[in-house]
Structure formats: C-alpha cells, structure tokens
Protein backbone atom coordinates (compact mmCIF):
# COMPACT_ATOMS: atom_id res chain seq x y z
CA MET A 1 19.90 -14.59 -15.17
CA ARG A 2 18.72 -15.77 -12.38
CA VAL A 3 17.43 -13.68 -10.15
CA VAL A 4 16.46 -14.51 -6.82
CA ILE A 5 13.59 -12.29 -5.12
CA LEU A 6 13.53 -11.72 -1.58
CA GLY A 7 9.61 -11.81 -0.37
CA ALA A 8 6.32 -13.30 -1.72
CA GLY A 9 3.90 -10.37 -1.21
CA LEU A 10 2.37 -7.99 -3.61
CA MET A 11 6.13 -6.10 -4.45
CA GLY A 12 7.59 -9.90 -4.75
CA VAL A 13 5.30 -11.81 -7.07
CA THR A 14 5.26 -8.68 -9.49
CA SER A 15 8.85 -8.30 -9.62
CA ALA A 16 8.69 -11.74 -10.39
CA TRP A 17 6.15 -11.21 -13.27
CA TYR A 18 7.85 -8.54 -15.08
CA LEU A 19 11.70 -10.02 -14.82
CA ALA A 20 10.27 -13.60 -16.06
CA GLU A 21 8.51 -11.63 -18.77
CA ALA A 22 11.71 -10.32 -19.79
CA GLY A 23 13.30 -13.61 -19.89
CA HIS A 24 14.89 -14.37 -16.60
CA GLU A 25 15.06 -17.01 -14.73
CA VAL A 26 13.56 -16.44 -11.30
CA THR A 27 12.84 -17.67 -7.92
CA VAL A 28 10.99 -16.35 -5.10
CA ILE A 29 11.50 -17.13 -1.14
CA ASP A 30 9.07 -16.05 1.05
CA ARG A 31 8.62 -17.55 5.22
CA ARG A 32 5.05 -18.21 5.09
CA GLU A 33 3.79 -20.97 3.08
CA GLY A 34 2.43 -18.93 0.23
CA VAL A 35 2.16 -15.59 -1.16
CA ALA A 36 0.69 -12.63 -0.16
CA ARG A 37 0.01 -14.05 3.43
CA GLU A 38 1.62 -10.71 5.07
CA THR A 39 0.87 -6.93 4.62
CA SER A 40 -0.93 -8.00 1.13
CA PHE A 41 -2.99 -10.62 2.38
CA ALA A 42 -6.19 -8.08 3.93
CA ASN A 43 -5.31 -4.54 3.23
CA ALA A 44 -7.56 -1.52 1.99
CA GLY A 45 -8.23 -2.80 -1.46
CA LEU A 46 -8.36 0.51 -3.56
CA VAL A 47 -6.06 0.87 -6.14
CA ALA A 48 -6.37 5.05 -4.94
CA PRO A 49 -4.16 7.57 -6.93
CA GLY A 50 -6.66 10.05 -5.39
CA HIS A 51 -5.79 9.17 -2.44
CA VAL A 52 -2.03 9.76 -2.58
CA TYR A 53 -1.49 12.65 0.03
CA SER A 54 2.12 12.56 1.64
CA TRP A 55 1.12 11.59 5.73
CA ALA A 56 3.92 13.84 6.75
CA SER A 57 1.68 17.14 6.56
CA PRO A 58 1.97 20.13 8.37
CA ARG A 59 -1.07 18.57 10.09
CA ALA A 60 0.95 15.26 10.97
CA PRO A 61 2.86 16.51 13.78
CA LYS A 62 -0.18 17.71 16.06
CA MET A 63 -2.34 14.34 14.84
CA LEU A 64 0.70 12.40 16.63
CA LEU A 65 1.01 14.36 19.34
CA ARG A 66 -2.81 14.47 20.20
CA SER A 67 -2.77 10.37 19.65
CA LEU A 68 -0.20 10.17 23.10
CA TRP A 69 -3.31 10.71 24.97
CA ARG A 70 -5.88 9.81 22.71
CA SER A 71 -6.71 6.37 21.48
CA ASP A 72 -8.99 7.36 18.57
CA THR A 73 -6.94 9.63 16.22
CA ALA A 74 -5.83 8.05 12.57
CA LEU A 75 -2.18 8.51 13.33
CA ARG A 76 -1.33 6.74 16.90
CA PHE A 77 2.82 7.52 18.17
CA ARG A 78 3.49 5.25 21.08
CA LEU A 79 6.48 6.10 23.36
CA ARG A 80 9.11 3.72 22.74
CA LEU A 81 12.68 2.70 22.87
CA ASP A 82 13.25 2.25 19.77
CA PRO A 83 16.34 4.07 17.88
CA ARG A 84 15.23 3.29 14.98
CA LEU A 85 11.90 5.07 15.31
CA TRP A 86 13.39 8.05 16.62
CA ALA A 87 15.74 8.24 14.00
CA TRP A 88 13.01 7.73 11.12
CA GLY A 89 10.62 9.94 13.00
CA LEU A 90 13.08 13.16 12.86
CA ARG A 91 13.23 12.24 8.97
CA PHE A 92 9.35 12.57 9.24
CA LEU A 93 9.34 15.79 10.75
CA ALA A 94 11.53 17.33 8.06
CA ASN A 95 9.16 16.55 5.85
CA CYS A 96 6.22 17.83 7.36
CA THR A 97 6.52 21.33 5.94
CA ALA A 98 3.84 22.70 2.97
CA GLU A 99 7.03 22.37 0.16
CA ARG A 100 8.29 18.91 1.25
CA ASN A 101 4.68 17.60 1.47
CA ARG A 102 3.77 19.09 -1.81
CA ALA A 103 6.81 17.35 -3.88
CA ASN A 104 6.63 14.23 -2.13
CA THR A 105 2.54 14.04 -3.03
CA LEU A 106 3.70 14.76 -6.57
CA VAL A 107 6.55 12.25 -6.52
CA LYS A 108 4.42 9.51 -5.16
CA LEU A 109 1.36 10.33 -7.57
CA ARG A 110 3.55 10.11 -11.13
CA LEU A 111 4.23 6.42 -9.62
CA CYS A 112 0.81 5.86 -8.54
CA MET A 113 -0.43 6.69 -12.11
CA TYR A 114 1.94 4.59 -13.82
CA SER A 115 1.18 1.98 -11.72
CA ARG A 116 -2.73 2.00 -12.23
CA ASP A 117 -1.84 1.85 -16.21
CA ALA A 118 0.48 -0.77 -15.57
CA LEU A 119 -2.35 -2.72 -13.91
CA VAL A 120 -4.82 -1.97 -16.60
CA ALA A 121 -2.39 -3.38 -19.12
CA LEU A 122 -1.69 -6.27 -16.85
CA ARG A 123 -5.58 -7.36 -16.27
CA GLN A 124 -5.81 -6.75 -20.58
CA GLN A 125 -2.70 -8.98 -20.99
CA THR A 126 -3.85 -11.90 -18.86
CA GLY A 127 -7.53 -11.53 -18.08
CA ILE A 128 -6.86 -11.69 -14.21
CA ALA A 129 -9.62 -11.58 -12.08
CA TYR A 130 -9.19 -10.22 -8.60
CA ASP A 131 -12.89 -9.05 -7.79
CA GLU A 132 -11.90 -5.88 -9.19
CA ILE A 133 -13.59 -2.56 -9.70
CA SER A 134 -13.05 0.32 -12.18
CA ALA A 135 -15.68 2.56 -11.62
CA GLY A 136 -13.98 5.02 -9.69
CA ASN A 137 -13.59 5.69 -5.45
CA LEU A 138 -15.59 7.97 -3.34
CA TYR A 139 -13.97 10.21 -0.84
CA LEU A 140 -16.02 11.19 1.82
CA TYR A 141 -16.46 14.57 4.01
CA ARG A 142 -18.74 14.95 6.73
CA ASP A 143 -17.41 18.36 7.75
CA ARG A 144 -17.75 21.59 5.64
CA ALA A 145 -14.60 23.00 6.21
CA HIS A 146 -12.93 19.19 6.01
CA TYR A 147 -14.40 19.37 2.65
CA GLU A 148 -13.28 22.99 1.76
CA THR A 149 -9.98 22.03 2.41
CA GLY A 150 -10.38 19.27 0.65
CA LEU A 151 -11.22 20.60 -2.46
CA ALA A 152 -8.45 23.47 -2.07
CA ASN A 153 -6.06 20.37 -1.90
CA MET A 154 -7.52 18.82 -5.14
CA ARG A 155 -6.02 21.54 -7.04
CA LEU A 156 -2.65 19.84 -6.86
CA LEU A 157 -3.23 16.50 -8.67
CA ILE A 158 -5.40 17.92 -11.07
CA ASP A 159 -2.89 20.02 -12.58
CA ASN A 160 -0.64 17.16 -12.62
CA GLY A 161 -2.76 15.23 -13.88
CA LEU A 162 -4.99 13.57 -12.24
CA PRO A 163 -9.03 14.00 -12.77
CA LEU A 164 -10.76 14.71 -9.83
CA GLU A 165 -14.58 16.00 -9.23
CA ALA A 166 -16.47 17.34 -6.30
CA LEU A 167 -19.75 16.10 -5.57
CA ASP A 168 -22.71 18.04 -3.47
CA ILE A 169 -25.06 15.94 -1.82
CA ASP A 170 -27.61 14.62 -4.47
CA GLY A 171 -24.41 14.12 -6.67
CA ILE A 172 -22.84 11.58 -3.83
CA VAL A 173 -26.74 10.24 -3.78
CA ALA A 174 -26.72 9.61 -7.46
CA ARG A 175 -23.27 8.02 -7.67
CA GLU A 176 -24.19 5.74 -4.46
CA PRO A 177 -27.41 5.08 -3.81
CA LYS A 178 -26.75 3.25 -0.87
CA LEU A 179 -25.58 6.86 0.99
CA ALA A 180 -29.26 7.69 0.81
CA HIS A 181 -30.00 7.86 4.13
CA ALA A 182 -26.91 8.90 5.34
CA LYS A 183 -27.51 12.47 3.29
CA ASP A 184 -27.29 14.54 6.79
CA LYS A 185 -24.23 13.25 7.92
CA LEU A 186 -22.08 14.12 4.34
CA ALA A 187 -20.76 17.77 3.24
CA GLY A 188 -19.56 16.56 0.18
CA ALA A 189 -17.49 14.40 -1.19
CA ILE A 190 -14.61 14.17 -4.34
CA VAL A 191 -14.44 11.06 -6.93
CA SER A 192 -11.48 9.58 -8.58
CA PRO A 193 -13.02 8.24 -11.61
CA THR A 194 -10.01 6.46 -12.84
CA ASP A 195 -9.43 4.81 -9.16
CA GLU A 196 -9.90 1.07 -8.80
CA SER A 197 -10.41 -1.21 -6.57
CA GLY A 198 -9.76 -5.08 -5.84
CA ASP A 199 -8.47 -7.78 -3.54
CA ALA A 200 -4.92 -7.80 -3.69
CA TYR A 201 -4.67 -10.97 -2.34
CA LEU A 202 -6.50 -12.75 -5.07
CA PHE A 203 -5.11 -10.63 -7.58
CA THR A 204 -1.64 -11.83 -6.16
CA SER A 205 -2.29 -15.37 -5.71
CA ARG A 206 -3.38 -15.51 -9.75
CA LEU A 207 -0.74 -13.82 -11.00
CA ALA A 208 1.94 -16.03 -9.00
CA GLU A 209 0.04 -18.68 -10.71
CA LEU A 210 0.78 -17.32 -14.20
CA CYS A 211 4.26 -16.80 -12.92
CA ALA A 212 4.70 -20.30 -12.23
CA ALA A 213 3.53 -20.98 -15.81
CA ARG A 214 6.39 -18.92 -17.00
CA GLY A 215 8.56 -20.83 -15.01
CA VAL A 216 9.40 -18.99 -12.03
CA LYS A 217 9.93 -20.91 -8.99
CA PHE A 218 8.57 -20.40 -5.37
CA GLN A 219 10.42 -20.97 -2.14
CA PHE A 220 7.95 -21.06 0.64
CA ASN A 221 8.09 -21.84 4.84
CA THR A 222 11.43 -20.59 4.08
CA THR A 223 12.85 -18.22 6.40
CA ILE A 224 15.59 -15.68 5.18
CA ALA A 225 18.80 -15.55 8.06
CA GLY A 226 20.93 -13.00 5.95
CA ILE A 227 22.31 -11.26 3.14
CA GLU A 228 25.85 -12.91 2.29
CA ARG A 229 28.06 -10.36 0.71
CA ASP A 230 31.69 -10.30 -0.21
CA GLY A 231 32.66 -6.79 -0.31
CA ASP A 232 30.33 -4.81 -2.25
CA ARG A 233 28.97 -7.71 -3.72
CA MET A 234 26.06 -10.07 -2.59
CA THR A 235 26.94 -13.71 -2.87
CA GLY A 236 24.19 -15.46 -1.26
CA VAL A 237 21.14 -15.62 1.05
CA ALA A 238 20.94 -17.73 3.90
CA THR A 239 17.46 -19.64 4.53
CA SER A 240 16.17 -22.11 6.71
CA GLY A 241 16.23 -23.99 3.82
CA GLY A 242 20.31 -23.76 2.76
CA ARG A 243 21.99 -21.34 1.12
CA VAL A 244 20.28 -20.01 -2.57
CA VAL A 245 22.33 -18.09 -5.25
CA GLY A 246 21.42 -16.18 -8.33
CA ASP A 247 23.41 -13.40 -10.71
CA ARG A 248 21.33 -10.76 -8.93
CA TYR A 249 18.96 -10.37 -5.92
CA VAL A 250 15.63 -8.17 -5.08
CA LEU A 251 14.64 -7.17 -1.88
CA ALA A 252 10.81 -6.90 -1.91
CA LEU A 253 10.52 -7.91 1.88
CA GLY A 254 8.57 -4.63 3.01
CA SER A 255 9.07 -4.05 6.51
CA PHE A 256 11.56 -6.73 7.40
CA SER A 257 13.57 -5.42 4.39
CA PRO A 258 16.04 -3.33 6.96
CA LEU A 259 16.35 -6.48 9.07
CA VAL A 260 17.71 -8.04 6.59
CA SER A 261 19.69 -5.66 5.00
CA ARG A 262 21.69 -4.36 8.16
CA GLY A 263 23.93 -1.95 6.95
CA LEU A 264 22.37 -0.72 3.83
CA GLY A 265 20.47 2.15 5.90
CA LEU A 266 17.03 1.76 4.76
CA PRO A 267 15.21 4.27 6.54
CA ILE A 268 11.75 1.97 6.23
CA TYR A 269 9.61 1.86 9.93
CA PRO A 270 6.73 -0.35 10.31
CA VAL A 271 3.12 1.29 10.83
CA LYS A 272 0.50 -1.04 11.88
CA GLY A 273 -2.87 -1.18 10.06
CA TYR A 274 -6.09 -2.53 10.74
CA SER A 275 -8.94 -4.42 8.79
CA VAL A 276 -11.96 -5.43 9.06
CA THR A 277 -13.80 -8.04 6.70
CA ILE A 278 -17.62 -7.99 6.83
CA PRO A 279 -19.68 -10.72 5.23
CA THR A 280 -22.53 -8.93 2.60
CA GLU A 281 -23.95 -11.83 1.19
CA GLY A 282 -27.84 -11.78 1.86
CA PHE A 283 -27.65 -7.98 2.72
CA ASP A 284 -28.58 -5.51 -0.18
CA GLY A 285 -26.85 -2.22 1.69
CA ALA A 286 -23.14 -2.78 0.75
CA PRO A 287 -21.66 0.32 -1.04
CA THR A 288 -20.75 -0.65 -5.06
CA THR A 289 -16.96 1.15 -4.53
CA GLY A 290 -15.04 1.76 -2.82
CA GLY A 291 -13.70 5.17 -1.10
CA VAL A 292 -12.80 6.88 2.07
CA ASP A 293 -14.25 8.56 4.93
CA GLU A 294 -12.28 11.16 5.29
CA GLY A 295 -13.59 12.88 8.90
CA ASN A 296 -12.73 9.17 10.50
CA LEU A 297 -9.96 8.05 7.61
CA VAL A 298 -11.57 4.87 7.19
CA ALA A 299 -11.38 3.39 3.80
CA PHE A 300 -14.22 0.88 2.14
CA CYS A 301 -14.16 -1.64 -0.60
CA PRO A 302 -16.64 -3.85 -1.45
CA MET A 303 -15.17 -7.60 -2.38
CA GLY A 304 -17.07 -9.76 -4.29
CA ASN A 305 -19.87 -10.80 -0.95
CA ARG A 306 -17.56 -9.27 1.32
CA LEU A 307 -16.84 -5.68 2.60
CA ARG A 308 -12.93 -4.18 3.82
CA LEU A 309 -12.52 -1.46 6.21
CA THR A 310 -8.92 -0.32 7.21
CA ALA A 311 -8.20 2.62 9.09
CA THR A 312 -5.20 3.64 11.77
CA ALA A 313 -1.48 4.02 11.60
CA ASP A 314 -0.18 2.58 14.14
CA PHE A 315 3.57 2.90 15.18
CA ALA A 316 3.88 0.11 17.35
CA GLY A 317 7.23 -1.56 16.39
CA TYR A 318 6.65 -5.35 14.71
CA SER A 319 3.78 -6.12 16.71
CA THR A 320 0.40 -7.55 14.53
CA ASP A 321 -1.41 -7.74 17.68
CA TYR A 322 -4.75 -6.28 18.48
CA GLU A 323 -7.87 -6.51 20.71
CA ALA A 324 -11.71 -5.67 19.81
CA SER A 325 -11.21 -1.78 20.93
CA ASP A 326 -8.90 -1.30 17.97
CA PHE A 327 -12.05 -1.28 15.43
CA ALA A 328 -14.43 0.27 17.63
CA VAL A 329 -14.03 3.56 15.47
CA MET A 330 -14.02 2.29 12.02
CA LEU A 331 -16.74 -0.37 12.97
CA ARG A 332 -19.03 3.00 13.97
CA SER A 333 -17.80 5.11 11.01
CA ALA A 334 -19.04 2.06 8.43
CA ARG A 335 -22.22 1.05 10.35
CA GLU A 336 -23.30 5.15 10.22
CA LEU A 337 -22.96 4.89 6.32
CA PHE A 338 -23.88 1.99 5.32
CA PRO A 339 -26.17 0.07 8.17
CA ASN A 340 -27.59 -2.36 6.00
CA ALA A 341 -24.14 -3.55 4.45
CA GLY A 342 -23.83 -7.08 6.15
CA ALA A 343 -23.36 -8.91 8.99
CA TRP A 344 -21.74 -6.68 11.42
CA ASP A 345 -21.77 -8.98 14.25
CA LYS A 346 -19.26 -11.66 12.25
CA PRO A 347 -16.48 -9.25 11.73
CA SER A 348 -13.10 -11.01 10.88
CA TYR A 349 -9.93 -8.68 12.28
CA GLY A 350 -6.22 -8.13 11.22
CA ALA A 351 -3.30 -5.95 11.53
CA CYS A 352 -0.34 -6.04 9.02
CA LEU A 353 2.63 -3.58 9.01
CA ARG A 354 3.02 -1.00 6.32
CA PRO A 355 6.45 -0.35 5.44
CA MET A 356 6.75 3.30 5.78
CA THR A 357 9.56 5.64 4.50
CA PRO A 358 9.72 9.01 5.79
CA GLU A 359 8.32 11.17 3.29
CA GLY A 360 6.01 8.39 1.66
CA ALA A 361 7.86 7.41 -1.70
CA PRO A 362 9.10 4.09 -2.06
CA ILE A 363 12.91 3.09 -2.92
CA ILE A 364 12.80 1.17 -6.15
CA GLY A 365 16.55 0.34 -8.30
CA PRO A 366 20.13 -0.67 -7.12
CA SER A 367 21.57 -0.79 -3.62
CA LYS A 368 25.33 -0.40 -2.35
CA LEU A 369 25.65 -3.73 -3.38
CA SER A 370 26.56 -4.15 -7.37
CA ASN A 371 23.96 -6.91 -7.59
CA LEU A 372 21.26 -6.38 -5.02
CA TRP A 373 17.89 -4.46 -6.27
CA LEU A 374 15.47 -2.88 -3.95
CA ASN A 375 11.75 -2.47 -4.04
CA THR A 376 10.34 -1.86 -0.93
CA GLY A 377 8.91 1.02 1.16
CA GLN A 378 5.76 1.82 -0.62
CA GLY A 379 3.77 1.88 2.71
CA HIS A 380 -0.10 2.34 2.32
CA MET A 381 -0.13 2.31 -0.97
CA GLY A 382 1.74 -0.55 -1.74
CA TRP A 383 -1.53 -2.59 -4.15
CA THR A 384 -1.78 1.16 -6.19
CA MET A 385 2.17 1.38 -6.50
CA ALA A 386 2.71 -2.42 -7.05
CA CYS A 387 2.84 -3.39 -10.65
CA GLY A 388 4.25 0.30 -11.16
CA SER A 389 6.97 -0.27 -9.36
CA SER A 390 8.16 -3.64 -10.49
CA ARG A 391 7.77 -2.42 -13.85
CA LEU A 392 10.34 0.41 -13.45
CA LEU A 393 12.84 -2.48 -11.46
CA THR A 394 12.51 -4.34 -14.54
CA ASP A 395 13.40 -1.38 -16.84
CA LEU A 396 16.68 -0.46 -14.65
CA MET A 397 17.53 -4.45 -13.89
CA THR A 398 17.94 -4.88 -17.39
CA GLY A 399 18.87 -1.64 -18.79
CA ARG A 400 15.42 -0.17 -20.61
CA LYS A 401 14.78 3.49 -20.35
CA PRO A 402 12.35 3.59 -17.74
CA ASP A 403 9.42 5.74 -18.23
CA LEU A 404 9.71 7.73 -14.37
CA ASP A 405 12.57 9.48 -13.34
CA PRO A 406 14.74 6.34 -11.32
CA ALA A 407 16.20 9.34 -8.91
CA ASP A 408 12.69 10.01 -7.25
CA TYR A 409 12.88 6.31 -6.05
CA SER A 410 16.66 5.54 -5.31
CA ALA A 411 18.08 4.62 -2.10
CA ALA A 412 20.94 6.96 -3.05
CA ARG A 413 18.51 9.99 -2.20
CA TYR A 414 19.28 9.02 1.89
C-alpha cells in the first residue's frame, strides 16, 4: 500500500515509522526544509501524562475573560473577527463543566500513558537518543491553597492508573537539590515518577533517519496547495512540486490541517505558545529533571547543555510573531527558581502554534473521505501523545485491533 503523509512533524514522522514498519511504502511531504520545523521544533520537551488535565475546565472562562485586559495570564484571548475562533470557542465553553473536564481528561490520560509506553518501547527497539531523562517530572506549587487543589485533583489520575506522589518542602529539595535556595517560594509539589522529557526536535530528526533507512521518502520544500477528491475519495495532493498520488493519505499538518482539508469540518484552532532556550554549559544551577511551575504555568526542561522554558496559550490566529515582553513572566518565574541555571542574558526565543481541539483530545482515524486518515489536533500534548497516536492510527489503517477505544479519538464525535 502506498501511503502519502501530509506533514513532517512529530505526528507525520511517527506515522511514517509505524506504517513503514508494517510494510507499507511511505512518502512524507512538508513545506519546510526538514522535519519538525514547526510546533515540534522548540516545544516544552515534557512527556507528561502527569500534566494531562483538559484546558476546558470550570476555571477557564474566568481566565479568558481576565486576559482581555491583562497580558500576564496563562491563557490569552484576543477579540478577533474570526468566525472559526468563535465557533471553536463556543465548543470549548461547552466543555468547561466539571463533568466534561473529568471525561476529557481521562480520554487524554489513556492516550498519554499508552503513548509514553510506546515511546519507551521504540527507544528500546532502536536505541534512539534525544537528551531523554526518565526520572519523572516535578509539578511545583507556590501557594498552599493551590497545592491543596492539586492534591485533590491528582486523585483522578491515580485512580485511573497513573502513579503520583505528594512532596513537602524537604521532599522537593531531596528530589531536586537545585531548588534548595527557593524553599521559601514553594508550598509543595507533586511528582509523576513515570513521566519523561527530551528534545522532540532531536527525536524527530533521528527517527526520520531511521525511517529513511526503511525506505520512507521525504519531499521537503514542497508546499501543499490542497487535496484533490472525487466523490468520497481522495485522488491526490496538489503541491508546488506537482501532483502526488497514493492509495491512502494521512493528514498530519497540526494547526494547518483544517486549512488543507476544507469541507471536512475539523474543529482545530491554533493556540500560540512561547518558548525560551537558555544555554547552561559552564553553570551548575539548572534542574536535573523537567517540570512545571504551576503558579505561573511555566514548564522547564533540561536538554543536554540547554534549559527549555515554555508558557502561555495565546489565541492569536495563525500569527507566530512575538516581542521580548511576551517572555517576561516565564523568565522571571524560572530565574526565581533556578537563578544559576545558565546564561540568562543569552536567550533564544521562539513561538509555535498548538493544534487544539475544543476538548483537548486529538483526532485520529478515518475521515469523511474513504482513503484519507487523520492524525492531528494533539494540542499542547503532542510530544507526549505522538507515538501512541501514530500506533493507534497504524492499527486502524492496517486492520489490527487497537489497544485503545478508537471512538474516543474519532472525527465522528463531532
């Protein structure tokens, strides 16, 4: 079977790997000069089932409303004359009940735990290395009331198979000695011992090399103009390099998926995130494991001789523009916790678009077109969900019985 994959990010390349492993002839198309040059390039780095809670929660509407007149909130909503944003937003608000939040979180949790195990299995199978750390992630709370809420919320994940542990101040320092000087800024922490971290760009690049060794073909610098169809079937991909034809097609274009697949009604909207990378060579204060400063919703992740910081969910359309002020909160938060982590005066800035569905679960499986398959909408959990999403997709495409209920991730739920 000839499979054409649209997109060479984490979803596209992991899909290529599993489909090639299953014996199929695979071609991957991307407009950039190499793999993982969009959302997968400088993301948080956390493989984090322990941070799986759905963004659509009873607290979210108030946070979005507050962001209309404040710029330092974790969620930023900007009034725009964008019908797609308003349609997406109404669906998001419909999921902001306690009942829907719980159900959506569990759907995401099942995929995240499955995907983490798939990543571990792939690493053991191939020996792939990507600055990975398998020591768990640390979720830090600065405020006692917030910490108590976190402890109450973690019961949902524990009851559904994810091990979590509560840490007092001494426990935090014992686990992460680099936080010893910040004891007076913390109220407690939750550790997810089976969480991991690593450089998603490095992982995707090295997996692409393994894919190429299996015969996968990559067409870079190739803009996808649209999909061609005849009735309920896709007949080809129109690109800047000519028409590309296969037997089956996989849409893995993240936030750009709805633009290429007009008419399929995919409720995916881009949510901009910001990242900073700090060089740490020659410094001794960087954390040894990844985690999140829950008080400011700033993620931190050591990657070799770098420290990656990420924050903010900015509903700003397809713009990836940024200013130095967009990084002020995350830099201040991280420097309070890890003042000697690295060269704070030499930051590398970036922004990317997270492909969000209203409830947070991705869209994986068949589409309205009989030979077009979907692997998109993983949102802020793309690195965590990548291997599991692509294994599930491959099982469905090849007729194998999947390990997860595909209905939870099907486009038919819309």
